[in-house]
Amino acid sequence: MHGVMRVAAVLAAIGVALVVGNADALAYQSGSIGYDISYLQCGTTYPSNVRTGNPPAVSPTTRPSGSRGQFFGRLPQSTLGTGGLRLLPPPAVSTASPRASFGIVGVDSGYPFMSPAHPGNPCLADEYARTPQAGLYINTGYDPSYTDANHTSASCASQSAAVTGTADQKKAWAVGCSEAEGDYGYAGSLGITSPVGWWLDVETVNSWCGQMGTNCTDLTLNQYTIQGIIDTLTHIGALPIGIYSNKTLWSAIVGSNTVHGQTADWVASGTSTAQAAAARCTSSNSFTGDPVTLVQYITGSVDRDYAC
C-alpha cells in the first residue's frame, strides 16, 4: 500500500518500545450495558440518577458469531444516519432498572484540538469521577491548516522525522501526535491517569481530507493522523486503545488504508435498543479488522453501549 508507515520501525527510531496490546484488554463483561457522555451532558444530573435498562438476554447458543466478551464526544449530529448523538428530551427513568456497569467520557468539546473557543470538556473530572469502569474518548480530525505551529507541537514535528512517508504524511502524523499530547495532557491535569482504556472518535462530522469543507483529497493523510495518535498514546503508555466509527464512516475517512496498534472496534450502529445493538456484535461489522467490543445505540440524550 502506498505510503504505509512501518509502525514498529518508527517507534524504535524515536526510542519507543512497541507495546503489543491484548485483544481482550478493552473487553467489558459480555451483555453488560454502559454509556458514553461528554461536555454535552454538562449541568445534568446524569449519570448519578439515570439507569440504563436491562440488557438483552444473549445466550451462548444464540450469541452472534464472531462476538467477544463512541459517538465519542461529538457535535450534535442528528443528520448522521450511521450513528451519533441526537439531542432529544431525557428518557424516562426507571428505578427498577440496573445502573450502567461502565462508561466512556469525552475529553474534548467536540473538536480535535483544544483552544479558548473549544476548550476541553469542562465537566470531564466530575463525569469521570461518577462513571463506573471509566474510559476516555478523544475527538480526532485532520486538515492541512492543522500543520501550523498553533496546532502541531514542536516535539511532534521533531518526532515525525522518523516516520516513513512523504513530507505531507509526516506532517499529518505530527498532527495526530499533537492531538494525543493535548488530550492526554488535559486529562492528566485533572488527575486522570488510569482510565480503563482510550478510544478515538473517528467520524465525518470532524474535518478530514475528502470531506466537505476541506481542500485536500489524500486519504493517507487521514490515515497518518490516526496513526500518529495511536503511536503517541502507545509511547506514553495510554493503553489499551480502541476506535469508534463504523464501516461507512471509516471507509469515507481512511479508505482502504490501515492503521495499527489499536485492539478493538466500537461500532456506531444508529440502532435504538440493546437487542438490536447485540446483533451487530459480529466480525462483519468490524471496520479495522479488530474485534467488535462495543456497539453504541441511541435511547435519548445519553448514548448507551452494549458490550459484545
Foldseek 3Di string as FASTA:
>chain_A
DAFDWPLCQLCVVLPFHQDFDDLCLLAAAAQFKEFEEELLCPPPPPPPQAADAHGDDADPVRFDPQFDSDLHQADACPPPQQFHFHAFPDDDGDPVHHHGQFYEYEQWNHALDADPVTHTRPCRLVVQVPTHLYHYEYEDEDAVVCLDCVQFPPVLLVSLVSIPGDPLLSSLLSNLLSSLVRSQVSCVVSVNDDHSAYEYEQFQVYYAAQHPPGPHNDLSSLVSSNQSNLSNCSRVVRDDYEYEEWQVGCCSRNNPDAHDRHNEYEYRGAAAGSVVQSNCQHQVTDNRSHGHQWYWHDHHNIIMIGGD
